[in-house]
């Protein structure tokens, strides 16, 4: 009886956690060539800089922090984010679409901007 109860609790926990828990949190930094070079150098020195982590995305003059961590799940993830841009007062709330295309890398779409990618692992 105790084994049955434990099994039921395990199944309920897995169902409650939902499908996003099957994928791990994105590890490390992902970027274009300029973004990865900036990570290794420790600074940004080009307008082409793009860097993606589980916590957000940065470009040379702007950045967005995700409300929840980005995972390694294949396909599209829609993430709420707080964004700021150099030279602009305050922040904006955006819905950012991040697509994991496996070997082809990650692609990021922020409303009003062109799609950014492919972003590959910087490790």
N, C-alpha and C. Protein backbone atom coordinates (compact mmCIF):
# COMPACT_ATOMS: atom_id res chain seq x y z
N UNK A 1 0.82 -1.20 0.00
CA UNK A 1 0.00 0.00 0.00
C UNK A 1 0.87 1.26 0.00
N UNK A 2 1.94 1.26 0.80
CA UNK A 2 2.82 2.43 0.85
C UNK A 2 3.49 2.65 -0.49
N UNK A 3 3.86 1.56 -1.18
CA UNK A 3 4.50 1.70 -2.50
C UNK A 3 3.51 2.29 -3.50
N UNK A 4 2.25 1.88 -3.44
CA UNK A 4 1.24 2.42 -4.34
C UNK A 4 1.03 3.90 -4.10
N UNK A 5 0.96 4.30 -2.83
CA UNK A 5 0.78 5.71 -2.50
C UNK A 5 1.97 6.53 -2.99
N UNK A 6 3.18 6.01 -2.82
CA UNK A 6 4.37 6.72 -3.27
C UNK A 6 4.37 6.86 -4.79
N UNK A 7 3.97 5.82 -5.49
CA UNK A 7 3.91 5.86 -6.95
C UNK A 7 2.88 6.88 -7.42
N UNK A 8 1.72 6.91 -6.76
CA UNK A 8 0.68 7.86 -7.13
C UNK A 8 1.18 9.29 -6.91
N UNK A 9 1.84 9.54 -5.77
CA UNK A 9 2.38 10.88 -5.51
C UNK A 9 3.42 11.28 -6.55
N UNK A 10 4.25 10.34 -6.97
CA UNK A 10 5.26 10.61 -7.98
C UNK A 10 4.61 10.99 -9.31
N UNK A 11 3.59 10.26 -9.70
CA UNK A 11 2.88 10.54 -10.96
C UNK A 11 2.19 11.90 -10.87
N UNK A 12 1.53 12.18 -9.75
CA UNK A 12 0.86 13.48 -9.59
C UNK A 12 1.86 14.63 -9.64
N UNK A 13 3.02 14.46 -9.04
CA UNK A 13 4.04 15.51 -9.07
C UNK A 13 4.52 15.75 -10.49
N UNK A 14 4.70 14.69 -11.25
CA UNK A 14 5.15 14.83 -12.64
C UNK A 14 4.10 15.53 -13.49
N UNK A 15 2.84 15.21 -13.29
CA UNK A 15 1.76 15.84 -14.04
C UNK A 15 1.64 17.31 -13.66
N UNK A 16 1.73 17.61 -12.36
CA UNK A 16 1.62 18.99 -11.90
C UNK A 16 2.77 19.85 -12.41
N UNK A 17 3.95 19.25 -12.55
CA UNK A 17 5.11 20.01 -13.01
C UNK A 17 4.96 20.44 -14.46
N UNK A 18 4.21 19.68 -15.25
CA UNK A 18 3.95 20.05 -16.63
C UNK A 18 5.09 19.70 -17.57
N UNK A 19 4.88 19.91 -18.87
CA UNK A 19 5.85 19.51 -19.88
C UNK A 19 7.14 20.32 -19.86
N UNK A 20 7.13 21.58 -19.39
CA UNK A 20 8.34 22.39 -19.43
C UNK A 20 9.43 21.82 -18.53
N UNK A 21 9.02 21.06 -17.51
CA UNK A 21 10.03 20.52 -16.60
C UNK A 21 10.84 19.41 -17.26
N UNK A 22 10.36 18.87 -18.36
CA UNK A 22 11.09 17.81 -19.05
C UNK A 22 12.38 18.34 -19.67
N UNK A 23 12.39 19.60 -20.02
CA UNK A 23 13.58 20.21 -20.59
C UNK A 23 14.33 20.95 -19.49
N UNK A 24 15.65 20.93 -19.56
CA UNK A 24 16.44 21.63 -18.57
C UNK A 24 16.55 23.11 -18.89
N UNK A 25 16.97 23.87 -17.89
CA UNK A 25 17.22 25.30 -18.09
C UNK A 25 18.41 25.44 -19.04
N UNK A 26 18.31 26.37 -19.96
CA UNK A 26 19.39 26.60 -20.92
C UNK A 26 20.68 26.93 -20.17
N UNK A 27 21.73 26.21 -20.46
CA UNK A 27 23.02 26.42 -19.79
C UNK A 27 23.95 27.27 -20.65
N UNK A 28 24.70 28.14 -20.00
CA UNK A 28 25.73 28.89 -20.69
C UNK A 28 25.21 30.05 -21.52
N UNK A 29 26.07 30.55 -22.35
CA UNK A 29 25.77 31.69 -23.22
C UNK A 29 25.67 31.23 -24.66
N UNK A 30 24.74 31.80 -25.38
CA UNK A 30 24.51 31.51 -26.79
C UNK A 30 24.51 32.83 -27.53
N UNK A 31 25.21 32.90 -28.66
CA UNK A 31 25.27 34.16 -29.36
C UNK A 31 25.67 34.02 -30.81
N UNK A 32 25.74 35.17 -31.47
CA UNK A 32 26.33 35.20 -32.80
C UNK A 32 27.84 35.26 -32.60
N UNK A 33 28.62 35.29 -33.66
CA UNK A 33 30.08 35.30 -33.52
C UNK A 33 30.57 36.47 -32.67
N UNK A 34 29.98 37.64 -32.89
CA UNK A 34 30.39 38.84 -32.16
C UNK A 34 30.01 38.73 -30.68
N UNK A 35 28.82 38.20 -30.39
CA UNK A 35 28.38 38.02 -29.01
C UNK A 35 29.27 37.07 -28.24
N UNK A 36 29.60 35.94 -28.86
CA UNK A 36 30.47 34.96 -28.19
C UNK A 36 31.88 35.53 -27.99
N UNK A 37 32.37 36.29 -28.96
CA UNK A 37 33.69 36.92 -28.80
C UNK A 37 33.65 37.92 -27.65
N UNK A 38 32.55 38.63 -27.49
CA UNK A 38 32.39 39.57 -26.40
C UNK A 38 32.38 38.90 -25.04
N UNK A 39 31.75 37.73 -24.96
CA UNK A 39 31.75 36.97 -23.70
C UNK A 39 33.16 36.57 -23.34
N UNK A 40 33.91 36.08 -24.31
CA UNK A 40 35.28 35.64 -24.05
C UNK A 40 36.19 36.81 -23.71
N UNK A 41 35.97 37.98 -24.33
CA UNK A 41 36.80 39.16 -24.08
C UNK A 41 36.36 39.89 -22.80
N UNK A 42 35.10 39.71 -22.41
CA UNK A 42 34.60 40.37 -21.22
C UNK A 42 33.98 41.74 -21.47
N UNK A 43 33.78 42.10 -22.74
CA UNK A 43 33.15 43.39 -23.05
C UNK A 43 32.53 43.35 -24.44
N UNK A 44 31.63 44.31 -24.69
CA UNK A 44 30.98 44.45 -25.99
C UNK A 44 31.70 45.54 -26.78
N UNK A 45 31.99 45.27 -28.05
CA UNK A 45 32.65 46.31 -28.84
C UNK A 45 32.11 46.43 -30.26
N UNK A 46 30.87 45.96 -30.47
CA UNK A 46 30.31 46.02 -31.82
C UNK A 46 28.79 46.11 -31.76
N UNK A 47 28.22 46.85 -32.69
CA UNK A 47 26.76 46.94 -32.78
C UNK A 47 26.12 45.60 -33.12
N UNK A 48 26.89 44.65 -33.62
CA UNK A 48 26.36 43.35 -34.02
C UNK A 48 26.24 42.38 -32.85
N UNK A 49 26.63 42.78 -31.64
CA UNK A 49 26.64 41.93 -30.45
C UNK A 49 25.24 41.42 -30.12
N UNK A 50 25.07 40.09 -30.03
CA UNK A 50 23.83 39.45 -29.57
C UNK A 50 24.21 38.29 -28.67
N UNK A 51 23.62 38.25 -27.47
CA UNK A 51 23.93 37.20 -26.51
C UNK A 51 22.65 36.76 -25.80
N UNK A 52 22.40 35.45 -25.78
CA UNK A 52 21.22 34.84 -25.17
C UNK A 52 21.65 33.96 -24.02
N UNK A 53 20.96 34.08 -22.87
CA UNK A 53 21.15 33.17 -21.73
C UNK A 53 19.77 32.75 -21.25
N UNK A 54 19.73 31.91 -20.24
CA UNK A 54 18.44 31.48 -19.68
C UNK A 54 17.68 32.65 -19.07
N UNK A 55 18.40 33.70 -18.68
CA UNK A 55 17.78 34.83 -18.01
C UNK A 55 17.34 35.96 -18.94
N UNK A 56 17.91 36.02 -20.16
CA UNK A 56 17.53 37.11 -21.05
C UNK A 56 18.37 37.19 -22.30
N UNK A 57 18.17 38.28 -23.04
CA UNK A 57 18.93 38.52 -24.26
C UNK A 57 19.51 39.92 -24.22
N UNK A 58 20.75 40.06 -24.68
CA UNK A 58 21.43 41.36 -24.73
C UNK A 58 21.89 41.63 -26.15
N UNK A 59 21.76 42.89 -26.53
CA UNK A 59 22.38 43.35 -27.77
C UNK A 59 23.29 44.51 -27.36
N UNK A 60 23.95 45.12 -28.31
CA UNK A 60 24.91 46.18 -27.98
C UNK A 60 24.28 47.31 -27.17
N UNK A 61 23.08 47.74 -27.54
CA UNK A 61 22.49 48.89 -26.86
C UNK A 61 21.19 48.61 -26.13
N UNK A 62 20.83 47.33 -25.98
CA UNK A 62 19.56 47.03 -25.32
C UNK A 62 19.62 45.65 -24.67
N UNK A 63 18.60 45.36 -23.89
CA UNK A 63 18.54 44.05 -23.26
C UNK A 63 17.15 43.78 -22.73
N UNK A 64 16.84 42.50 -22.57
CA UNK A 64 15.57 42.06 -22.02
C UNK A 64 15.83 40.96 -21.00
N UNK A 65 15.13 41.03 -19.87
CA UNK A 65 15.20 40.01 -18.83
C UNK A 65 13.91 39.23 -18.84
N UNK A 66 14.02 37.90 -18.98
CA UNK A 66 12.85 37.04 -19.04
C UNK A 66 12.20 36.90 -17.66
N UNK A 67 10.87 36.77 -17.64
CA UNK A 67 10.14 36.55 -16.39
C UNK A 67 10.36 35.14 -15.86
N UNK A 68 10.61 34.19 -16.75
CA UNK A 68 10.92 32.82 -16.36
C UNK A 68 12.15 32.38 -17.15
N UNK A 69 12.83 31.36 -16.67
CA UNK A 69 14.06 30.95 -17.35
C UNK A 69 13.77 30.20 -18.64
N UNK A 70 14.59 30.47 -19.64
CA UNK A 70 14.52 29.79 -20.92
C UNK A 70 15.01 28.36 -20.75
N UNK A 71 14.31 27.41 -21.35
CA UNK A 71 14.71 26.01 -21.25
C UNK A 71 15.27 25.52 -22.59
N UNK A 72 15.71 24.29 -22.60
CA UNK A 72 16.25 23.68 -23.81
C UNK A 72 15.18 23.00 -24.64
N UNK A 73 13.91 23.18 -24.30
CA UNK A 73 12.83 22.52 -25.02
C UNK A 73 12.90 22.84 -26.51
N UNK A 74 12.72 21.82 -27.37
CA UNK A 74 12.71 22.10 -28.81
C UNK A 74 11.46 22.88 -29.18
N UNK A 75 11.54 23.63 -30.26
CA UNK A 75 10.39 24.40 -30.72
C UNK A 75 10.37 25.79 -30.13
N UNK A 76 9.16 26.37 -30.08
CA UNK A 76 9.01 27.78 -29.70
C UNK A 76 8.63 27.93 -28.23
N UNK A 77 9.20 28.96 -27.61
CA UNK A 77 8.83 29.36 -26.26
C UNK A 77 8.47 30.84 -26.30
N UNK A 78 7.33 31.18 -25.74
CA UNK A 78 6.91 32.57 -25.64
C UNK A 78 7.20 33.02 -24.22
N UNK A 79 8.03 34.06 -24.07
CA UNK A 79 8.48 34.51 -22.77
C UNK A 79 8.16 35.97 -22.54
N UNK A 80 7.56 36.28 -21.41
CA UNK A 80 7.38 37.67 -21.02
C UNK A 80 8.73 38.22 -20.62
N UNK A 81 8.98 39.48 -20.90
CA UNK A 81 10.28 40.08 -20.59
C UNK A 81 10.14 41.56 -20.30
N UNK A 82 11.05 42.05 -19.47
CA UNK A 82 11.18 43.49 -19.23
C UNK A 82 12.40 43.95 -20.01
N UNK A 83 12.21 44.93 -20.89
CA UNK A 83 13.28 45.35 -21.80
C UNK A 83 13.64 46.82 -21.58
N UNK A 84 14.90 47.12 -21.86
CA UNK A 84 15.37 48.51 -21.80
C UNK A 84 16.31 48.74 -22.97
N UNK A 85 16.41 50.00 -23.37
CA UNK A 85 17.28 50.35 -24.50
C UNK A 85 18.07 51.58 -24.15
N UNK A 86 19.31 51.60 -24.62
CA UNK A 86 20.20 52.74 -24.41
C UNK A 86 19.55 54.00 -24.96
N UNK A 87 19.58 55.07 -24.18
CA UNK A 87 19.04 56.34 -24.63
C UNK A 87 17.55 56.50 -24.44
N UNK A 88 16.87 55.48 -23.91
CA UNK A 88 15.43 55.57 -23.68
C UNK A 88 15.15 55.47 -22.19
N UNK A 89 14.23 56.28 -21.73
CA UNK A 89 13.87 56.26 -20.32
C UNK A 89 12.92 55.09 -20.03
N UNK A 90 13.09 54.47 -18.88
CA UNK A 90 12.18 53.42 -18.45
C UNK A 90 12.37 52.09 -19.14
N UNK A 91 11.40 51.22 -18.92
CA UNK A 91 11.43 49.88 -19.49
C UNK A 91 10.10 49.60 -20.19
N UNK A 92 10.09 48.58 -21.01
CA UNK A 92 8.87 48.12 -21.66
C UNK A 92 8.67 46.64 -21.33
N UNK A 93 7.44 46.21 -21.37
CA UNK A 93 7.11 44.80 -21.19
C UNK A 93 6.84 44.23 -22.58
N UNK A 94 7.55 43.18 -22.93
CA UNK A 94 7.43 42.57 -24.26
C UNK A 94 7.16 41.08 -24.13
N UNK A 95 6.60 40.49 -25.16
CA UNK A 95 6.51 39.04 -25.29
C UNK A 95 7.50 38.65 -26.36
N UNK A 96 8.50 37.87 -25.97
CA UNK A 96 9.58 37.48 -26.86
C UNK A 96 9.41 36.02 -27.25
N UNK A 97 9.59 35.74 -28.52
CA UNK A 97 9.49 34.38 -29.02
C UNK A 97 10.90 33.84 -29.26
N UNK A 98 11.24 32.75 -28.57
CA UNK A 98 12.54 32.10 -28.74
C UNK A 98 12.29 30.73 -29.34
N UNK A 99 12.95 30.45 -30.47
CA UNK A 99 12.77 29.17 -31.15
C UNK A 99 14.07 28.39 -31.10
N UNK A 100 14.00 27.17 -30.57
CA UNK A 100 15.14 26.26 -30.53
C UNK A 100 15.03 25.36 -31.76
N UNK A 101 15.93 25.54 -32.72
CA UNK A 101 15.92 24.74 -33.94
C UNK A 101 17.00 23.67 -33.91
N UNK A 102 17.33 23.19 -32.72
CA UNK A 102 18.30 22.11 -32.58
C UNK A 102 19.68 22.49 -33.08
N UNK A 103 20.21 21.72 -34.02
CA UNK A 103 21.55 21.96 -34.57
C UNK A 103 21.68 23.34 -35.23
N UNK A 104 20.55 23.90 -35.66
CA UNK A 104 20.58 25.21 -36.32
C UNK A 104 20.63 26.36 -35.32
N UNK A 105 20.53 26.08 -34.02
CA UNK A 105 20.65 27.09 -32.98
C UNK A 105 19.33 27.71 -32.57
N UNK A 106 19.44 28.78 -31.80
CA UNK A 106 18.28 29.52 -31.31
C UNK A 106 18.04 30.75 -32.18
N UNK A 107 16.77 31.11 -32.32
CA UNK A 107 16.36 32.30 -33.04
C UNK A 107 15.43 33.09 -32.11
N UNK A 108 15.58 34.40 -32.07
CA UNK A 108 14.82 35.24 -31.15
C UNK A 108 14.07 36.30 -31.94
N UNK A 109 12.78 36.44 -31.62
CA UNK A 109 11.96 37.46 -32.24
C UNK A 109 11.39 38.37 -31.15
N UNK A 110 11.70 39.65 -31.25
CA UNK A 110 11.17 40.68 -30.36
C UNK A 110 10.26 41.55 -31.22
N UNK A 111 9.03 41.83 -30.76
CA UNK A 111 8.11 42.63 -31.59
C UNK A 111 8.76 43.92 -32.09
N UNK A 112 8.58 44.18 -33.38
CA UNK A 112 9.10 45.40 -34.00
C UNK A 112 10.54 45.29 -34.49
N UNK A 113 11.20 44.16 -34.24
CA UNK A 113 12.59 43.97 -34.69
C UNK A 113 12.69 42.76 -35.60
N UNK A 114 13.76 42.70 -36.37
CA UNK A 114 14.01 41.53 -37.21
C UNK A 114 14.40 40.35 -36.33
N UNK A 115 14.13 39.14 -36.83
CA UNK A 115 14.53 37.94 -36.10
C UNK A 115 16.05 37.92 -35.93
N UNK A 116 16.51 37.54 -34.75
CA UNK A 116 17.95 37.44 -34.48
C UNK A 116 18.33 35.97 -34.43
N UNK A 117 19.41 35.62 -35.12
CA UNK A 117 19.87 34.24 -35.12
C UNK A 117 20.51 33.91 -36.43
N UNK A 118 21.11 32.76 -36.52
CA UNK A 118 21.16 31.74 -35.47
C UNK A 118 22.14 32.11 -34.35
N UNK A 119 21.77 31.70 -33.13
CA UNK A 119 22.63 31.89 -31.97
C UNK A 119 23.12 30.50 -31.54
N UNK A 120 24.42 30.34 -31.52
CA UNK A 120 25.05 29.06 -31.20
C UNK A 120 25.71 29.12 -29.83
N UNK A 121 26.00 27.97 -29.27
CA UNK A 121 26.64 27.91 -27.96
C UNK A 121 28.01 28.60 -28.01
N UNK A 122 28.32 29.41 -26.99
CA UNK A 122 29.60 30.11 -26.92
C UNK A 122 30.67 29.24 -26.26
N UNK A 123 30.33 28.04 -25.81
CA UNK A 123 31.35 27.20 -25.15
C UNK A 123 32.20 26.45 -26.13
